[in-house]
C-alpha atoms as a PDB file:
ATOM      1  CA  MET A   1      44.414  41.595 -34.859  1.00  0.00           C
ATOM      2  CA  GLU A   2      42.276  38.453 -34.700  1.00  0.00           C
ATOM      3  CA  GLN A   3      43.671  35.260 -33.194  1.00  0.00           C
ATOM      4  CA  GLN A   4      43.381  32.037 -35.126  1.00  0.00           C
ATOM      5  CA  LYS A   5      40.910  29.577 -33.711  1.00  0.00           C
ATOM      6  CA  THR A   6      42.164  26.132 -32.649  1.00  0.00           C
ATOM      7  CA  ASN A   7      40.393  23.209 -34.276  1.00  0.00           C
ATOM      8  CA  THR A   8      38.075  21.582 -31.730  1.00  0.00           C
ATOM      9  CA  LYS A   9      38.434  18.098 -33.220  1.00  0.00           C
ATOM     10  CA  ALA A  10      42.213  18.321 -32.802  1.00  0.00           C
ATOM     11  CA  VAL A  11      41.786  19.143 -29.105  1.00  0.00           C
ATOM     12  CA  VAL A  12      39.334  16.246 -28.701  1.00  0.00           C
ATOM     13  CA  SER A  13      41.780  13.928 -30.482  1.00  0.00           C
ATOM     14  CA  LEU A  14      44.610  14.885 -28.133  1.00  0.00           C
ATOM     15  CA  THR A  15      42.427  14.578 -25.028  1.00  0.00           C
ATOM     16  CA  LEU A  16      41.106  11.152 -25.984  1.00  0.00           C
ATOM     17  CA  GLY A  17      44.591  10.045 -27.065  1.00  0.00           C
ATOM     18  CA  ILE A  18      45.998  10.887 -23.632  1.00  0.00           C
ATOM     19  CA  LEU A  19      43.069   9.137 -21.947  1.00  0.00           C
ATOM     20  CA  SER A  20      43.687   6.049 -24.083  1.00  0.00           C
ATOM     21  CA  LEU A  21      47.129   5.853 -22.485  1.00  0.00           C
ATOM     22  CA  LEU A  22      45.797   6.154 -18.949  1.00  0.00           C
ATOM     23  CA  VAL A  23      42.543   4.163 -18.877  1.00  0.00           C
ATOM     24  CA  PRO A  24      42.844   0.374 -19.225  1.00  0.00           C
ATOM     25  CA  PHE A  25      40.391  -1.556 -21.426  1.00  0.00           C
ATOM     26  CA  ILE A  26      38.310   1.526 -22.280  1.00  0.00           C
ATOM     27  CA  GLY A  27      41.519   3.026 -23.664  1.00  0.00           C
ATOM     28  CA  PHE A  28      41.173   0.821 -26.736  1.00  0.00           C
ATOM     29  CA  ILE A  29      37.813   2.378 -27.602  1.00  0.00           C
ATOM     30  CA  LEU A  30      39.015   5.875 -26.734  1.00  0.00           C
ATOM     31  CA  GLY A  31      42.058   5.353 -28.950  1.00  0.00           C
ATOM     32  CA  ILE A  32      39.913   4.412 -31.935  1.00  0.00           C
ATOM     33  CA  ILE A  33      37.671   7.442 -31.420  1.00  0.00           C
ATOM     34  CA  SER A  34      40.765   9.630 -31.067  1.00  0.00           C
ATOM     35  CA  ILE A  35      42.157   8.346 -34.363  1.00  0.00           C
ATOM     36  CA  VAL A  36      38.876   9.200 -36.097  1.00  0.00           C
ATOM     37  CA  PHE A  37      38.868  12.748 -34.677  1.00  0.00           C
ATOM     38  CA  GLY A  38      42.569  13.188 -35.485  1.00  0.00           C
ATOM     39  CA  ARG A  39      42.092  12.182 -39.107  1.00  0.00           C
ATOM     40  CA  LEU A  40      39.009  14.391 -39.470  1.00  0.00           C
ATOM     41  CA  SER A  41      40.802  17.394 -38.013  1.00  0.00           C
ATOM     42  CA  ALA A  42      43.894  16.798 -40.161  1.00  0.00           C
ATOM     43  CA  LYS A  43      41.679  17.004 -43.250  1.00  0.00           C
ATOM     44  CA  GLU A  44      39.705  19.973 -41.916  1.00  0.00           C
ATOM     45  CA  ILE A  45      42.580  22.207 -40.763  1.00  0.00           C
ATOM     46  CA  PRO A  46      43.991  23.069 -44.236  1.00  0.00           C
ATOM     47  CA  GLN A  47      40.500  23.917 -45.475  1.00  0.00           C
ATOM     48  CA  THR A  48      39.567  26.209 -42.577  1.00  0.00           C
ATOM     49  CA  GLY A  49      42.994  27.674 -41.795  1.00  0.00           C
ATOM     50  CA  GLU A  50      42.652  26.887 -38.088  1.00  0.00           C
ATOM     51  CA  LYS A  51      45.484  26.020 -35.740  1.00  0.00           C
ATOM     52  CA  GLY A  52      45.895  22.570 -34.193  1.00  0.00           C
ATOM     53  CA  LYS A  53      47.726  20.389 -36.693  1.00  0.00           C
ATOM     54  CA  SER A  54      50.322  19.471 -34.069  1.00  0.00           C
ATOM     55  CA  LEU A  55      47.558  18.702 -31.562  1.00  0.00           C
ATOM     56  CA  ALA A  56      45.933  16.342 -34.057  1.00  0.00           C
ATOM     57  CA  THR A  57      49.264  14.651 -34.733  1.00  0.00           C
ATOM     58  CA  ALA A  58      49.992  14.265 -31.030  1.00  0.00           C
ATOM     59  CA  GLY A  59      46.502  12.848 -30.520  1.00  0.00           C
ATOM     60  CA  LEU A  60      47.076  10.279 -33.262  1.00  0.00           C
ATOM     61  CA  ILE A  61      50.419   9.242 -31.796  1.00  0.00           C
ATOM     62  CA  CYS A  62      49.050   8.962 -28.246  1.00  0.00           C
ATOM     63  CA  SER A  63      46.045   6.959 -29.390  1.00  0.00           C
ATOM     64  CA  ILE A  64      48.142   4.507 -31.417  1.00  0.00           C
ATOM     65  CA  ILE A  65      50.471   3.980 -28.460  1.00  0.00           C
ATOM     66  CA  GLY A  66      47.467   3.622 -26.145  1.00  0.00           C
ATOM     67  CA  ILE A  67      45.866   0.991 -28.382  1.00  0.00           C
ATOM     68  CA  VAL A  68      49.120  -0.978 -28.640  1.00  0.00           C
ATOM     69  CA  LEU A  69      49.644  -0.852 -24.865  1.00  0.00           C
ATOM     70  CA  THR A  70      46.063  -1.961 -24.217  1.00  0.00           C
ATOM     71  CA  VAL A  71      46.433  -4.904 -26.602  1.00  0.00           C
ATOM     72  CA  ILE A  72      49.729  -5.919 -24.966  1.00  0.00           C
ATOM     73  CA  TRP A  73      48.160  -5.610 -21.510  1.00  0.00           C
ATOM     74  CA  ILE A  74      45.212  -7.796 -22.545  1.00  0.00           C
ATOM     75  CA  LEU A  75      47.559 -10.401 -24.066  1.00  0.00           C
ATOM     76  CA  PHE A  76      49.605 -10.546 -20.861  1.00  0.00           C
ATOM     77  CA  ALA A  77      46.425 -10.891 -18.806  1.00  0.00           C
ATOM     78  CA  LEU A  78      45.195 -13.745 -21.013  1.00  0.00           C
ATOM     79  CA  LEU A  79      48.616 -15.392 -20.884  1.00  0.00           C
ATOM     80  CA  GLY A  80      48.597 -15.133 -17.085  1.00  0.00           C
ATOM     81  CA  ILE A  81      45.121 -16.617 -16.835  1.00  0.00           C
ATOM     82  CA  PHE A  82      46.075 -19.447 -19.191  1.00  0.00           C
ATOM     83  CA  ALA A  83      49.315 -20.153 -17.311  1.00  0.00           C
ATOM     84  CA  PHE A  84      47.556 -20.136 -13.942  1.00  0.00           C
ATOM     85  CA  THR A  85      44.773 -22.488 -15.029  1.00  0.00           C
ATOM     86  CA  THR A  86      47.279 -24.860 -16.652  1.00  0.00           C
ATOM     87  CA  PHE A  87      49.433 -24.866 -13.523  1.00  0.00           C
ATOM     88  CA  GLU A  88      46.405 -25.437 -11.315  1.00  0.00           C
ATOM     89  CA  THR A  89      45.320 -28.394 -13.476  1.00  0.00           C
ATOM     90  CA  GLU A  90      48.789 -29.950 -13.260  1.00  0.00           C
ATOM     91  CA  ILE A  91      48.780 -29.657  -9.462  1.00  0.00           C
ATOM     92  CA  GLN A  92      45.410 -31.380  -9.221  1.00  0.00           C
ATOM     93  CA  GLU A  93      46.602 -34.256 -11.432  1.00  0.00           C
ATOM     94  CA  MET A  94      49.658 -34.978  -9.245  1.00  0.00           C
ATOM     95  CA  PRO A  95      49.446 -38.228  -7.224  1.00  0.00           C
END
């Protein structure tokens, strides 16, 4: 009996999706690449009969969450920089 092969793009999508959660800044780029691989594998799996649909789905979910977290992290960083520079300017203007 022959085992079904797991779709390689689905594995790549899951791996990059998990990395997008763990690596700041670069996680945004990894998340986008993971979404591309996840979509490609989701289209390819029914045609080839390979396993890995759940891996592709998990990769898509992880990458979307990773992108959202990266964007939130960047917004908080920009907000902190803006708040600090505004506060510093107000201190310098005090008599």
